Amino acid sequence: MFRILWIASWIGLLVLFIRSLAIARAIAMALGNGQLQPQDLSIWQMGILPFSFFALLLLFFALKHFRVHTPSQAHWKQLVGIWIMAFWLLLFGWLGRLPA
């Protein structure tokens, strides 16, 4: 059961990471087209790219680690960390998106 929860959490984090990169790309394109000025960005819009980078590092190092070790009950702290990272990516994605 733990392994299913662990795998589902990683898939969710990966989906949120891809979504946050799409939002960061939209922000960068709006800045490049002159539709948005840097001083108009909110803290959530400025923070989405660095936070996505940290999520990518988490994904990379954890998957590298679990190539050798399979997830078990001993990895519950990492699962909680995944949920915290997913929560922040959801928050950045929700508050950092561009208005329509």
Protein backbone atom coordinates (compact mmCIF):
# COMPACT_ATOMS: atom_id res chain seq x y z
CA MET A 1 0.00 0.00 0.00
CA PHE A 2 2.85 2.37 0.87
CA ARG A 3 4.49 1.83 -2.52
CA ILE A 4 1.27 2.68 -4.35
CA LEU A 5 0.91 5.86 -2.29
CA TRP A 6 4.57 6.70 -2.91
CA ILE A 7 4.30 6.18 -6.68
CA ALA A 8 1.05 8.17 -6.89
CA SER A 9 2.68 11.01 -4.93
CA TRP A 10 5.65 11.13 -7.30
CA ILE A 11 3.40 11.15 -10.34
CA GLY A 12 1.39 13.99 -8.80
CA LEU A 13 4.55 15.96 -8.06
CA LEU A 14 5.77 15.44 -11.62
CA VAL A 15 2.44 16.66 -13.05
CA LEU A 16 2.53 19.74 -10.80
CA PHE A 17 6.13 20.40 -11.82
CA ILE A 18 5.22 20.32 -15.52
CA ARG A 19 2.24 22.60 -14.87
CA SER A 20 4.39 25.11 -12.99
CA LEU A 21 6.90 25.14 -15.85
CA ALA A 22 4.06 25.91 -18.27
CA ILE A 23 3.01 28.84 -16.06
CA ALA A 24 6.62 30.06 -15.85
CA ARG A 25 6.86 29.85 -19.65
CA ALA A 26 3.67 31.90 -20.04
CA ILE A 27 5.05 34.53 -17.65
CA ALA A 28 8.35 34.66 -19.56
CA MET A 29 6.53 35.04 -22.88
CA ALA A 30 4.34 37.84 -21.47
CA LEU A 31 7.47 39.61 -20.23
CA GLY A 32 9.16 39.15 -23.60
CA ASN A 33 6.18 40.51 -25.54
CA GLY A 34 5.94 43.58 -23.33
CA GLN A 35 2.48 42.63 -22.05
CA LEU A 36 3.82 42.40 -18.52
CA GLN A 37 6.46 44.48 -16.76
CA PRO A 38 8.81 42.98 -14.14
CA GLN A 39 7.54 45.36 -11.46
CA ASP A 40 3.99 44.04 -12.05
CA LEU A 41 4.91 40.50 -11.04
CA SER A 42 3.62 39.16 -7.75
CA ILE A 43 5.83 37.27 -5.32
CA TRP A 44 4.14 34.06 -6.46
CA GLN A 45 4.95 34.73 -10.11
CA MET A 46 8.57 35.58 -9.31
CA GLY A 47 8.98 32.49 -7.15
CA ILE A 48 7.53 29.88 -9.47
CA LEU A 49 10.71 29.31 -11.49
CA PRO A 50 13.16 28.88 -8.58
CA PHE A 51 10.68 26.69 -6.72
CA SER A 52 10.20 24.57 -9.84
CA PHE A 53 13.98 24.21 -10.01
CA PHE A 54 14.02 22.88 -6.42
CA ALA A 55 11.23 20.45 -7.30
CA LEU A 56 13.29 19.25 -10.26
CA LEU A 57 16.29 18.68 -7.98
CA LEU A 58 14.08 16.75 -5.56
CA LEU A 59 12.75 14.59 -8.39
CA PHE A 60 16.24 13.97 -9.80
CA PHE A 61 17.97 13.02 -6.54
CA ALA A 62 15.11 10.95 -5.21
CA LEU A 63 14.73 8.96 -8.41
CA LYS A 64 18.50 8.44 -8.47
CA HIS A 65 18.31 7.18 -4.87
CA PHE A 66 15.38 4.87 -5.55
CA ARG A 67 17.07 3.28 -8.53
CA VAL A 68 19.02 1.38 -5.90
CA HIS A 69 16.48 1.18 -3.04
CA THR A 70 12.80 0.39 -3.32
CA PRO A 71 10.41 2.56 -1.28
CA SER A 72 9.42 1.12 2.08
CA GLN A 73 7.78 2.24 5.31
CA ALA A 74 11.13 3.73 6.35
CA HIS A 75 10.73 6.41 3.68
CA TRP A 76 7.66 8.07 5.22
CA LYS A 77 9.61 11.29 5.87
CA GLN A 78 10.35 11.59 2.17
CA LEU A 79 6.68 11.03 1.38
CA VAL A 80 5.74 13.88 3.71
CA GLY A 81 8.37 16.02 1.95
CA ILE A 82 6.81 15.17 -1.40
CA TRP A 83 3.40 16.28 -0.12
CA ILE A 84 4.83 19.54 1.22
CA MET A 85 6.55 20.24 -2.12
CA ALA A 86 3.33 19.38 -3.99
CA PHE A 87 1.37 21.74 -1.73
CA TRP A 88 3.75 24.61 -2.48
CA LEU A 89 3.71 23.88 -6.22
CA LEU A 90 -0.09 23.95 -6.10
CA LEU A 91 0.01 27.25 -4.23
CA PHE A 92 2.54 28.80 -6.64
CA GLY A 93 0.56 27.51 -9.61
CA TRP A 94 -2.75 28.81 -8.28
CA LEU A 95 -1.57 32.23 -7.14
CA GLY A 96 1.10 32.72 -9.81
CA ARG A 97 -0.88 32.20 -12.98
CA LEU A 98 -1.47 35.10 -15.31
CA PRO A 99 -4.94 36.66 -15.44
CA ALA A 100 -6.89 35.78 -18.58
